[in-house]
Amino acid sequence: MATGLSPMNRAFNLVPKRAESRQSEQLRDTFVDSGVAIVMEAVDHQILYGRRGTGKTHALRYLATVVSGNKDIPVYLDLRTVGSPEGLFLGEEVKPTERAARLLVDLLNQFHDSLMEAALEDDEMLSDASFISRLDTLIDSISTVRLTGEVEVSKEGETSDSAKSGMSAKLGLKSADFSLSGEAANSRRSLAKETRRGTEAISLNFSDIARSLRQLFDSLSGRRVWLLLDEWSSVPGDIQPYLGEFLVRCMLPLRGLTVKVAAIEQQTNFRTTLPTGQLIGLELGADIAANVSLDEFMVFEENKERSREFFKSLFFNHLTMGGEPNSSITDISNPQGIVRHGFTDTRAFDELVRAAEGVPRDALNIAAKAAVRAAMEKISVHHVRAAGRGWFQSDKEAALRSKEEASRLLNWIIDKVIRERRARGFLVNQRQANNALLLALFDARVLHVVRRGYSAQDEPGERYDVYVIDYGAYVDLMQTRYAPQGVLPIGPEDEEPEYVEVPTQDLRAIRRAVLDIDLFLSTQGAR
């Protein structure tokens, strides 16, 4: 392999793979709308779902640039940076209510700081004494501490005697003056001594906080605040409902506030029931809409042309406007030039799009690995396949090593679907769709949902989700007799199957494409 890289391959390799590595201007310039932007610009409260790497952070940061251009105030908070290890991860040592209170205080402090930062950049807000005063009131409302434990009060008497004397002398040329004076006094005082023994705990009054927030928003003169909460799933699951309850009681009812939450669907716990039977947290649909999912936007099998155009634009924006210093490509004037200058042919680029399975971060990483392998050459199908396998092993397969049962399920699926049926996809009855192991594989991006709620004539009344196996999991088989022939095998089971991509109409016989997860679970129980 050559030691150097062509300018194009060097640019592929140097593209930052995470939105956190970007400046705001770069985030705006490199953003490619898959259809989510126009939905998120609505003032309704929303949850943005998506697995790691699907672009949640990029979408929120892009939205922040859009609303700030409209003179609104974006407040972006990364929940990974909110709270302390002692407050979040002590578990049973600290009650969930206390851990949640610590998290909320930190969150509101960051919210306050963001608004203050916005005021410092806006002369009108900074000169508004009422706004500044109400910011201070917000801080006061979250600063209450209570002490739980014993209080001991005792009184002590004290008597003291004191004497005071003084001497003064004044000398002059013609006379001398000398005086001596003395003072004595007795005093008596009593002291009250109070001793408190106990534990300090944060005491939050939602009514006080809600009142201070309402007063604060009343002073914003009609300007809307967009609270963008990223990495919701990083908050421990038992605390998430308390955070949701705070939003319901104090934030969501505010006029002039829009809340957007980015989360991994399989790692959320928005609502729970307390031992008292009381429900707390966010009620999806009623309190906040959960109508945006990035997991289903750009899967290749769902819409090949849309996926091609999206990833062409993605690489074009990153390589021409968002690259590292001295790495941007200036001789490409449109997205089509990415394929012409960077790949041996259209087939090689399509292979990269298929390998990404609709996940932008996977596409950037596979392209970087393929570019290093290509060195001074253009990227070929061979380079993409090797890079796809390498990325699967280093990023996805490695993440499953601690989940032994999920790894066994993946191997079982590969045997049943690829080796036996020579397919890349399968269907799962929606009654089994919430299986924890299946969700773990989906969360790890080794399985991808192509379509939900599929039905067929030979399975009346049943609904299925269509899954495909990640490219990296089967790429080694593509030059063997087990090479997949298509996504789904359909047709009568006593005939040779017909391999199709995801059907557009619910009219085909699909029974042979259905995978029964319960069959795997029964074999595990027997073992």
Protein backbone atom coordinates (compact mmCIF):
# COMPACT_ATOMS: atom_id res chain seq x y z
CA MET A 1 0.00 0.00 0.00
CA ALA A 2 1.33 3.45 -0.87
CA THR A 3 2.29 5.58 2.09
CA GLY A 4 0.80 8.80 0.75
CA LEU A 5 -2.80 9.82 0.10
CA SER A 6 -4.22 11.66 -2.86
CA PRO A 7 -5.74 15.08 -2.02
CA MET A 8 -9.21 13.57 -2.38
CA ASN A 9 -8.48 10.63 -0.10
CA ARG A 10 -6.75 12.89 2.41
CA ALA A 11 -9.90 15.02 2.53
CA PHE A 12 -12.08 11.91 3.08
CA ASN A 13 -9.82 10.86 5.94
CA LEU A 14 -9.73 14.25 7.69
CA VAL A 15 -13.48 14.90 7.81
CA PRO A 16 -14.54 15.21 11.49
CA LYS A 17 -16.85 12.33 12.30
CA ARG A 18 -18.81 13.96 15.15
CA ALA A 19 -20.87 17.15 15.22
CA GLU A 20 -19.20 18.17 18.51
CA SER A 21 -15.98 18.71 16.53
CA ARG A 22 -17.59 21.40 14.39
CA GLN A 23 -18.02 25.13 14.75
CA SER A 24 -21.55 26.50 14.36
CA GLU A 25 -20.85 27.84 10.87
CA GLN A 26 -19.51 24.46 9.74
CA LEU A 27 -22.54 22.69 11.19
CA ARG A 28 -24.82 24.95 9.19
CA ASP A 29 -22.79 24.55 5.99
CA THR A 30 -22.38 20.78 6.19
CA PHE A 31 -25.95 19.95 7.18
CA VAL A 32 -27.89 17.96 4.59
CA ASP A 33 -31.63 17.87 5.13
CA SER A 34 -33.08 14.40 4.81
CA GLY A 35 -36.54 15.85 5.39
CA VAL A 36 -36.21 16.34 9.14
CA ALA A 37 -35.40 20.07 9.23
CA ILE A 38 -38.78 21.38 8.13
CA VAL A 39 -40.47 19.12 10.71
CA MET A 40 -38.24 20.30 13.55
CA GLU A 41 -38.66 23.99 12.76
CA ALA A 42 -42.24 23.74 14.05
CA VAL A 43 -42.75 25.39 17.45
CA ASP A 44 -44.29 22.21 18.87
CA HIS A 45 -42.43 20.26 21.55
CA GLN A 46 -40.82 17.20 19.94
CA ILE A 47 -38.63 14.19 20.53
CA LEU A 48 -36.04 13.40 17.85
CA TYR A 49 -35.22 9.70 17.86
CA GLY A 50 -32.14 8.16 16.33
CA ARG A 51 -29.39 5.70 17.09
CA ARG A 52 -25.79 6.79 17.51
CA GLY A 53 -24.40 8.38 14.40
CA THR A 54 -27.69 9.17 12.70
CA GLY A 55 -27.22 12.94 13.07
CA LYS A 56 -29.29 13.97 16.09
CA THR A 57 -26.70 16.38 17.47
CA HIS A 58 -26.05 17.83 14.01
CA ALA A 59 -29.78 18.40 13.51
CA LEU A 60 -30.19 20.15 16.87
CA ARG A 61 -27.12 22.34 16.35
CA TYR A 62 -28.31 23.21 12.86
CA LEU A 63 -31.74 24.12 14.25
CA ALA A 64 -29.98 26.41 16.75
CA THR A 65 -28.38 28.37 13.89
CA VAL A 66 -31.73 28.65 12.12
CA VAL A 67 -33.68 30.01 15.10
CA SER A 68 -30.91 32.40 16.13
CA GLY A 69 -31.11 33.85 12.63
CA ASN A 70 -34.79 34.53 13.35
CA LYS A 71 -33.81 36.51 16.51
CA ASP A 72 -35.00 33.70 18.76
CA ILE A 73 -32.79 32.34 21.56
CA PRO A 74 -31.47 28.78 21.21
CA VAL A 75 -30.32 27.07 24.42
CA TYR A 76 -28.44 23.88 23.52
CA LEU A 77 -27.70 21.62 26.51
CA ASP A 78 -25.75 18.38 26.26
CA LEU A 79 -27.13 16.26 29.10
CA ARG A 80 -23.85 14.33 29.29
CA THR A 81 -22.38 17.47 30.85
CA VAL A 82 -25.22 18.05 33.34
CA GLY A 83 -25.02 16.69 36.87
CA SER A 84 -22.18 15.11 38.81
CA PRO A 85 -21.03 11.47 39.08
CA GLU A 86 -22.05 11.47 42.75
CA GLY A 87 -25.54 12.66 41.86
CA LEU A 88 -26.11 10.44 38.84
CA PHE A 89 -24.47 7.12 39.51
CA LEU A 90 -24.55 6.44 43.24
CA GLY A 91 -27.66 4.35 42.78
CA GLU A 92 -29.29 3.15 45.98
CA GLU A 93 -26.91 5.20 48.14
CA VAL A 94 -28.87 8.34 47.18
CA LYS A 95 -32.62 8.39 46.56
CA PRO A 96 -33.74 9.04 42.96
CA THR A 97 -35.51 12.23 44.06
CA GLU A 98 -32.29 13.66 45.50
CA ARG A 99 -30.25 12.64 42.45
CA ALA A 100 -32.89 14.15 40.18
CA ALA A 101 -32.89 17.38 42.23
CA ARG A 102 -29.13 17.73 41.81
CA LEU A 103 -29.50 17.17 38.08
CA LEU A 104 -32.26 19.78 37.80
CA VAL A 105 -30.28 22.39 39.71
CA ASP A 106 -27.33 21.89 37.38
CA LEU A 107 -29.58 21.96 34.33
CA LEU A 108 -31.27 25.19 35.41
CA ASN A 109 -27.91 26.75 36.18
CA GLN A 110 -26.75 25.96 32.66
CA PHE A 111 -30.05 27.26 31.30
CA HIS A 112 -29.53 30.50 33.26
CA ASP A 113 -25.93 30.80 32.02
CA SER A 114 -27.02 30.33 28.40
CA LEU A 115 -29.63 33.06 28.70
CA MET A 116 -27.09 35.36 30.34
CA GLU A 117 -24.65 34.64 27.53
CA ALA A 118 -27.35 35.50 25.00
CA ALA A 119 -28.03 38.75 26.88
CA LEU A 120 -24.35 39.72 26.80
CA GLU A 121 -24.47 39.51 23.01
CA ASP A 122 -27.71 41.51 22.75
CA ASP A 123 -27.73 45.15 23.87
CA GLU A 124 -31.52 45.24 24.17
CA MET A 125 -31.62 42.28 26.55
CA LEU A 126 -28.59 43.45 28.51
CA SER A 127 -30.09 46.90 29.13
CA ASP A 128 -33.38 45.43 30.35
CA ALA A 129 -33.11 45.66 34.15
CA SER A 130 -36.28 43.63 34.57
CA PHE A 131 -34.87 40.70 32.57
CA ILE A 132 -31.60 40.69 34.51
CA SER A 133 -33.45 40.88 37.82
CA ARG A 134 -35.66 37.95 36.90
CA LEU A 135 -32.62 35.92 35.90
CA ASP A 136 -31.39 36.44 39.46
CA THR A 137 -34.78 35.39 40.80
CA LEU A 138 -34.49 32.13 38.86
CA ILE A 139 -31.18 31.37 40.57
CA ASP A 140 -32.74 32.15 43.96
CA SER A 141 -35.58 29.70 43.30
CA ILE A 142 -33.18 26.77 42.87
CA SER A 143 -30.87 27.61 45.78
CA THR A 144 -32.96 26.28 48.67
CA VAL A 145 -31.30 23.70 50.90
CA ARG A 146 -33.04 21.81 53.69
CA LEU A 147 -31.48 19.90 56.58
CA THR A 148 -32.91 16.57 57.58
CA GLY A 149 -31.98 15.28 61.04
CA GLU A 150 -31.90 16.40 64.69
CA VAL A 151 -31.84 20.01 65.92
CA GLU A 152 -30.53 20.76 69.43
CA VAL A 153 -31.03 24.20 71.06
CA SER A 154 -29.32 25.25 74.34
CA LYS A 155 -28.79 28.53 76.20
CA GLU A 156 -25.63 29.61 77.92
CA GLY A 157 -25.05 32.54 80.34
CA GLU A 158 -21.89 34.58 80.40
CA THR A 159 -20.61 37.36 82.73
CA SER A 160 -17.58 39.45 81.95
CA ASP A 161 -15.73 42.28 83.71
CA SER A 162 -13.65 44.75 81.82
CA ALA A 163 -11.37 47.64 82.92
CA LYS A 164 -10.26 50.45 80.77
CA SER A 165 -7.55 53.02 81.61
CA GLY A 166 -5.83 55.64 79.62
CA MET A 167 -3.08 58.20 80.04
CA SER A 168 -2.44 61.26 77.97
CA ALA A 169 0.30 63.82 78.12
CA LYS A 170 0.71 67.04 76.28
CA LEU A 171 3.99 68.92 76.31
CA GLY A 172 4.63 72.39 75.06
CA LEU A 173 7.34 74.99 75.16
CA LYS A 174 5.63 77.16 77.75
CA SER A 175 3.47 74.69 79.66
CA ALA A 176 3.03 71.07 80.34
CA ASP A 177 -0.24 69.20 80.64
CA PHE A 178 -0.49 65.69 82.05
CA SER A 179 -3.65 63.74 82.79
CA LEU A 180 -4.48 60.19 83.86
CA SER A 181 -7.88 58.63 83.52
CA GLY A 182 -9.29 55.19 84.29
CA GLU A 183 -12.56 53.36 83.49
CA ALA A 184 -14.09 50.13 84.74
CA ALA A 185 -17.30 48.38 83.63
CA ASN A 186 -19.20 45.14 84.17
CA SER A 187 -21.32 43.47 81.44
CA ARG A 188 -23.58 40.43 81.35
CA ARG A 189 -24.93 38.63 78.28
CA SER A 190 -26.65 35.37 77.48
CA LEU A 191 -25.95 33.25 74.39
CA ALA A 192 -28.25 30.88 72.57
CA LYS A 193 -26.43 27.97 70.97
CA GLU A 194 -28.10 25.88 68.28
CA THR A 195 -26.59 22.64 67.02
CA ARG A 196 -27.91 20.91 63.91
CA ARG A 197 -27.11 17.34 63.12
CA GLY A 198 -28.31 15.90 59.84
CA THR A 199 -27.86 15.81 56.08
CA GLU A 200 -28.23 18.75 53.75
CA ALA A 201 -30.49 18.09 50.78
CA ILE A 202 -31.58 20.22 47.87
CA SER A 203 -35.15 21.40 48.26
CA LEU A 204 -36.89 22.38 45.02
CA ASN A 205 -40.31 23.94 44.97
CA PHE A 206 -41.76 23.49 41.49
CA SER A 207 -44.26 26.29 42.10
CA ASP A 208 -41.48 28.78 42.88
CA ILE A 209 -39.44 27.68 39.88
CA ALA A 210 -42.43 27.81 37.54
CA ARG A 211 -43.32 31.28 38.80
CA SER A 212 -39.79 32.61 38.30
CA LEU A 213 -39.66 31.09 34.81
CA ARG A 214 -43.01 32.64 33.85
CA GLN A 215 -41.85 36.05 35.04
CA LEU A 216 -38.58 35.62 33.17
CA PHE A 217 -40.32 34.71 29.93
CA ASP A 218 -42.75 37.62 30.31
CA SER A 219 -39.74 39.94 30.09
CA LEU A 220 -38.47 38.48 26.78
CA SER A 221 -40.74 40.74 24.70
CA GLY A 222 -42.10 37.99 22.50
CA ARG A 223 -38.77 36.33 21.70
CA ARG A 224 -39.01 32.54 21.68
CA VAL A 225 -36.55 30.34 23.56
CA TRP A 226 -35.71 26.97 22.01
CA LEU A 227 -34.50 24.52 24.65
CA LEU A 228 -32.57 21.80 22.80
CA LEU A 229 -31.83 18.84 25.09
CA ASP A 230 -29.29 16.49 23.54
CA GLU A 231 -28.21 13.04 24.76
CA TRP A 232 -31.32 12.41 26.87
CA SER A 233 -30.42 8.72 26.99
CA SER A 234 -27.20 9.51 28.89
CA VAL A 235 -29.34 10.28 31.98
CA PRO A 236 -29.80 7.15 34.16
CA GLY A 237 -33.12 5.48 33.41
CA ASP A 238 -34.53 5.79 36.92
CA ILE A 239 -33.98 9.58 36.87
CA GLN A 240 -35.39 10.25 33.39
CA PRO A 241 -39.06 10.27 34.52
CA TYR A 242 -38.28 12.90 37.19
CA LEU A 243 -36.61 15.08 34.58
CA GLY A 244 -39.67 14.57 32.40
CA GLU A 245 -42.01 15.53 35.26
CA PHE A 246 -40.07 18.75 35.79
CA LEU A 247 -40.48 19.61 32.10
CA VAL A 248 -44.22 18.90 32.31
CA ARG A 249 -44.75 21.05 35.38
CA CYS A 250 -42.35 23.93 34.84
CA MET A 251 -41.19 24.20 31.23
CA LEU A 252 -43.66 22.87 28.68
CA PRO A 253 -46.55 25.17 29.75
CA LEU A 254 -44.42 28.31 29.24
CA ARG A 255 -45.54 30.63 26.47
CA GLY A 256 -42.60 31.36 24.24
CA LEU A 257 -40.71 28.12 24.93
CA THR A 258 -40.15 25.21 22.54
CA VAL A 259 -38.49 22.03 23.79
CA LYS A 260 -36.74 19.56 21.49
CA VAL A 261 -35.29 16.34 22.93
CA ALA A 262 -32.79 14.08 21.12
CA ALA A 263 -32.84 10.49 22.39
CA ILE A 264 -32.12 6.87 21.54
CA GLU A 265 -35.55 5.26 21.55
CA GLN A 266 -34.40 1.95 23.05
CA GLN A 267 -32.72 3.73 25.97
CA THR A 268 -35.48 6.06 27.09
CA ASN A 269 -37.73 5.91 30.12
CA PHE A 270 -39.90 8.98 29.82
CA ARG A 271 -42.67 7.85 32.18
CA THR A 272 -42.98 5.60 35.23
CA THR A 273 -45.32 4.70 38.07
CA LEU A 274 -44.23 5.48 41.62
CA PRO A 275 -44.84 3.00 44.47
CA THR A 276 -47.80 5.19 45.44
CA GLY A 277 -49.40 4.49 42.07
CA GLN A 278 -48.80 8.03 40.78
CA LEU A 279 -47.67 8.38 37.17
CA ILE A 280 -44.83 10.84 36.57
CA GLY A 281 -42.90 11.89 33.50
CA LEU A 282 -43.58 12.80 29.89
CA GLU A 283 -46.62 11.34 28.20
CA LEU A 284 -45.73 10.86 24.55
CA GLY A 285 -48.32 12.34 22.25
CA ALA A 286 -50.04 14.35 24.97
CA ASP A 287 -47.14 16.32 26.47
CA ILE A 288 -44.63 16.02 23.65
CA ALA A 289 -44.72 14.63 20.10
CA ALA A 290 -42.53 11.67 19.18
CA ASN A 291 -42.95 11.97 15.42
CA VAL A 292 -39.37 12.29 14.14
CA SER A 293 -37.03 9.31 13.72
CA LEU A 294 -33.73 9.50 11.89
CA ASP A 295 -33.38 5.71 11.88
CA GLU A 296 -35.73 5.31 8.92
CA PHE A 297 -34.77 8.22 6.68
CA MET A 298 -31.84 7.08 4.54
CA VAL A 299 -31.79 3.27 4.41
CA PHE A 300 -30.64 2.28 0.91
CA GLU A 301 -33.29 -0.38 0.29
CA GLU A 302 -36.14 1.99 1.15
CA ASN A 303 -35.30 4.57 -1.52
CA LYS A 304 -32.06 4.08 -3.47
CA GLU A 305 -32.11 7.35 -5.35
CA ARG A 306 -32.87 9.46 -2.31
CA SER A 307 -30.07 7.72 -0.39
CA ARG A 308 -27.58 8.33 -3.23
CA GLU A 309 -28.41 12.01 -3.45
CA PHE A 310 -28.30 12.47 0.32
CA PHE A 311 -24.83 10.95 0.69
CA LYS A 312 -23.49 12.74 -2.38
CA SER A 313 -24.55 16.02 -0.80
CA LEU A 314 -23.21 14.91 2.59
CA PHE A 315 -19.71 14.26 1.22
CA PHE A 316 -19.80 17.31 -1.04
CA ASN A 317 -20.62 19.63 1.88
CA HIS A 318 -18.03 18.08 4.17
CA LEU A 319 -15.24 18.03 1.60
CA THR A 320 -15.81 21.48 0.15
CA MET A 321 -17.10 23.53 3.10
CA GLY A 322 -16.47 21.66 6.31
CA GLY A 323 -13.09 19.99 5.97
CA GLU A 324 -10.05 20.51 8.13
CA PRO A 325 -7.77 23.45 7.24
CA ASN A 326 -5.87 22.84 4.00
CA SER A 327 -7.88 19.69 3.28
CA SER A 328 -10.95 21.09 1.51
CA ILE A 329 -11.41 20.15 -2.13
CA THR A 330 -11.98 23.24 -4.25
CA ASP A 331 -12.15 21.76 -7.76
CA ILE A 332 -15.49 19.99 -7.20
CA SER A 333 -18.42 22.24 -8.03
CA ASN A 334 -21.37 19.92 -7.38
CA PRO A 335 -22.25 16.68 -5.55
CA GLN A 336 -21.89 14.61 -8.74
CA GLY A 337 -18.20 15.49 -8.72
CA ILE A 338 -17.74 13.43 -5.53
CA VAL A 339 -18.39 10.22 -7.46
CA ARG A 340 -16.40 11.29 -10.51
CA HIS A 341 -13.29 12.40 -8.60
CA GLY A 342 -13.36 10.09 -5.59
CA PHE A 343 -14.59 6.69 -6.82
CA THR A 344 -13.71 4.35 -9.64
CA ASP A 345 -17.34 4.25 -10.79
CA THR A 346 -20.94 4.66 -9.67
CA ARG A 347 -21.00 1.07 -8.43
CA ALA A 348 -18.26 1.82 -5.90
CA PHE A 349 -20.17 4.81 -4.52
CA ASP A 350 -23.39 2.78 -4.34
CA GLU A 351 -21.45 0.15 -2.39
CA LEU A 352 -20.46 2.84 0.13
CA VAL A 353 -24.07 4.01 0.46
CA ARG A 354 -25.23 0.44 1.00
CA ALA A 355 -22.44 -0.15 3.55
CA ALA A 356 -23.52 2.92 5.54
CA GLU A 357 -27.03 1.48 6.00
CA GLY A 358 -28.47 4.99 6.30
CA VAL A 359 -26.16 6.11 9.15
CA PRO A 360 -24.15 9.27 8.26
CA ARG A 361 -21.39 8.68 10.83
CA ASP A 362 -20.89 5.13 9.52
CA ALA A 363 -20.63 6.52 6.00
CA LEU A 364 -17.94 9.04 7.04
CA ASN A 365 -15.93 6.40 8.90
CA ILE A 366 -16.13 3.77 6.16
CA ALA A 367 -15.17 6.37 3.56
CA ALA A 368 -12.16 7.40 5.67
CA LYS A 369 -10.99 3.79 6.03
CA ALA A 370 -11.54 3.12 2.33
CA ALA A 371 -9.59 6.28 1.43
CA VAL A 372 -6.60 5.15 3.49
CA ARG A 373 -6.68 1.76 1.75
CA ALA A 374 -6.97 3.38 -1.68
CA ALA A 375 -4.00 5.68 -0.97
CA MET A 376 -3.23 7.36 -4.31
CA GLU A 377 -5.99 5.55 -6.21
CA LYS A 378 -9.69 6.19 -6.43
CA ILE A 379 -11.91 4.26 -4.02
CA SER A 380 -13.14 0.97 -5.50
CA VAL A 381 -15.73 -1.62 -4.49
CA HIS A 382 -12.90 -3.72 -3.03
CA HIS A 383 -11.75 -0.82 -0.83
CA VAL A 384 -15.31 -0.19 0.42
CA ARG A 385 -15.86 -3.84 1.29
CA ALA A 386 -12.64 -4.09 3.25
CA ALA A 387 -13.37 -0.81 5.04
CA GLY A 388 -16.95 -1.86 5.81
CA ARG A 389 -15.76 -5.09 7.38
CA GLY A 390 -13.08 -3.27 9.37
CA TRP A 391 -15.54 -0.68 10.69
CA PHE A 392 -18.02 -3.40 11.69
CA GLN A 393 -15.34 -5.26 13.64
CA SER A 394 -13.86 -2.25 15.40
CA ASP A 395 -17.03 -0.31 16.21
CA LYS A 396 -20.10 -2.54 16.20
CA GLU A 397 -18.92 -6.06 16.90
CA ALA A 398 -16.67 -4.78 19.68
CA ALA A 399 -19.65 -3.10 21.36
CA LEU A 400 -21.50 -6.44 21.46
CA ARG A 401 -18.73 -8.38 23.19
CA SER A 402 -20.15 -7.50 26.59
CA LYS A 403 -23.62 -8.65 25.47
CA GLU A 404 -23.10 -12.37 25.00
CA GLU A 405 -26.74 -13.31 24.42
CA ALA A 406 -27.22 -10.54 21.84
CA SER A 407 -24.08 -11.73 20.02
CA ARG A 408 -25.48 -15.27 19.91
CA LEU A 409 -28.76 -13.95 18.49
CA LEU A 410 -26.84 -12.09 15.76
CA ASN A 411 -24.91 -15.23 14.81
CA TRP A 412 -28.17 -17.20 14.76
CA ILE A 413 -29.79 -14.61 12.49
CA ILE A 414 -26.80 -14.68 10.12
CA ASP A 415 -27.01 -18.48 9.91
CA LYS A 416 -30.78 -18.55 9.39
CA VAL A 417 -31.11 -15.60 7.02
CA ILE A 418 -27.87 -15.42 5.04
CA ARG A 419 -26.48 -18.96 5.06
CA GLU A 420 -29.80 -20.83 4.82
CA ARG A 421 -31.99 -18.38 2.90
CA ARG A 422 -29.24 -16.42 1.10
CA ALA A 423 -31.06 -13.20 1.94
CA ARG A 424 -30.03 -9.98 3.68
CA GLY A 425 -33.36 -9.18 5.26
CA PHE A 426 -36.11 -10.77 7.29
CA LEU A 427 -39.43 -9.95 8.88
CA VAL A 428 -40.32 -9.99 12.56
CA ASN A 429 -43.88 -10.06 13.80
CA GLN A 430 -44.61 -6.82 15.64
CA ARG A 431 -45.68 -8.88 18.64
CA GLN A 432 -41.99 -9.82 19.02
CA ALA A 433 -40.58 -6.41 18.05
CA ASN A 434 -39.96 -5.34 21.65
CA ASN A 435 -37.68 -8.28 22.39
CA ALA A 436 -34.77 -6.87 24.42
CA LEU A 437 -32.08 -8.78 22.48
CA LEU A 438 -33.49 -7.69 19.13
CA LEU A 439 -33.58 -4.08 20.31
CA ALA A 440 -29.98 -4.38 21.52
CA LEU A 441 -28.87 -5.44 18.03
CA PHE A 442 -30.82 -2.59 16.48
CA ASP A 443 -29.32 -0.12 18.94
CA ALA A 444 -25.83 -1.40 18.12
CA ARG A 445 -26.54 -0.75 14.42
CA VAL A 446 -25.96 -4.35 13.36
CA LEU A 447 -29.64 -4.59 12.37
CA HIS A 448 -31.55 -1.85 10.57
CA VAL A 449 -35.30 -1.30 10.17
CA VAL A 450 -36.32 -0.74 6.56
CA ARG A 451 -40.05 -0.63 7.00
CA ARG A 452 -42.57 -0.96 9.81
CA GLY A 453 -46.08 -2.40 9.74
CA TYR A 454 -45.74 -4.56 6.63
CA SER A 455 -48.57 -6.99 5.87
CA ALA A 456 -49.23 -9.64 3.22
CA GLN A 457 -52.07 -11.68 1.75
CA ASP A 458 -50.86 -14.97 3.17
CA GLU A 459 -50.69 -13.54 6.71
CA PRO A 460 -54.03 -11.73 7.19
CA GLY A 461 -54.24 -9.54 10.26
CA GLU A 462 -50.53 -9.80 11.05
CA ARG A 463 -48.09 -6.89 10.92
CA TYR A 464 -44.33 -7.17 10.47
CA ASP A 465 -41.26 -5.00 10.65
CA VAL A 466 -38.70 -5.46 7.88
CA TYR A 467 -35.08 -5.69 9.07
CA VAL A 468 -31.84 -5.90 7.12
CA ILE A 469 -28.54 -7.22 8.46
CA ASP A 470 -25.67 -4.74 8.60
CA TYR A 471 -23.38 -4.75 5.58
CA GLY A 472 -20.29 -5.43 7.67
CA ALA A 473 -21.77 -8.63 9.09
CA TYR A 474 -22.08 -10.39 5.73
CA VAL A 475 -19.55 -8.69 3.45
CA ASP A 476 -17.08 -11.58 3.89
CA LEU A 477 -19.68 -13.94 2.40
CA MET A 478 -20.20 -11.94 -0.77
CA GLN A 479 -17.59 -13.91 -2.74
CA THR A 480 -18.79 -17.30 -1.45
CA ARG A 481 -21.69 -19.63 -2.19
CA TYR A 482 -23.54 -18.01 0.71
CA ALA A 483 -23.59 -14.58 -0.93
CA PRO A 484 -27.00 -12.93 -0.38
CA GLN A 485 -29.16 -12.80 -3.50
CA GLY A 486 -31.49 -10.04 -2.32
CA VAL A 487 -33.21 -8.58 0.68
CA LEU A 488 -36.24 -10.84 1.12
CA PRO A 489 -36.98 -14.36 -0.17
CA ILE A 490 -40.65 -14.59 -1.13
CA GLY A 491 -43.02 -17.02 -2.78
CA PRO A 492 -44.36 -20.47 -1.84
CA GLU A 493 -42.04 -22.47 0.38
CA ASP A 494 -42.04 -25.50 -1.96
CA GLU A 495 -40.66 -23.44 -4.87
CA GLU A 496 -37.42 -21.63 -5.56
CA PRO A 497 -37.61 -18.25 -3.83
CA GLU A 498 -37.78 -14.97 -5.66
CA TYR A 499 -35.46 -12.38 -4.11
CA VAL A 500 -36.77 -8.85 -3.94
CA GLU A 501 -35.96 -5.54 -2.36
CA VAL A 502 -38.52 -4.16 0.08
CA PRO A 503 -41.92 -4.52 -1.62
CA THR A 504 -43.90 -1.36 -2.21
CA GLN A 505 -47.25 -3.14 -2.03
CA ASP A 506 -48.50 -5.53 0.63
CA LEU A 507 -49.44 -8.27 -1.86
CA ARG A 508 -46.64 -10.85 -1.80
CA ALA A 509 -46.35 -14.18 -0.02
CA ILE A 510 -43.83 -13.56 2.72
CA ARG A 511 -44.09 -16.50 5.12
CA ARG A 512 -40.65 -17.88 4.22
CA ALA A 513 -39.08 -14.47 5.02
CA VAL A 514 -40.47 -14.38 8.58
CA LEU A 515 -37.98 -15.03 11.38
CA ASP A 516 -39.40 -16.37 14.64
CA ILE A 517 -37.34 -14.90 17.50
CA ASP A 518 -39.13 -17.19 19.96
CA LEU A 519 -37.47 -20.15 18.23
CA PHE A 520 -34.05 -18.76 19.15
CA LEU A 521 -35.16 -18.12 22.73
CA SER A 522 -36.41 -21.70 23.07
CA THR A 523 -33.05 -23.09 21.92
CA GLN A 524 -31.27 -20.89 24.48
CA GLY A 525 -33.55 -22.17 27.22
CA ALA A 526 -32.86 -25.77 26.23
CA ARG A 527 -29.13 -25.14 26.22
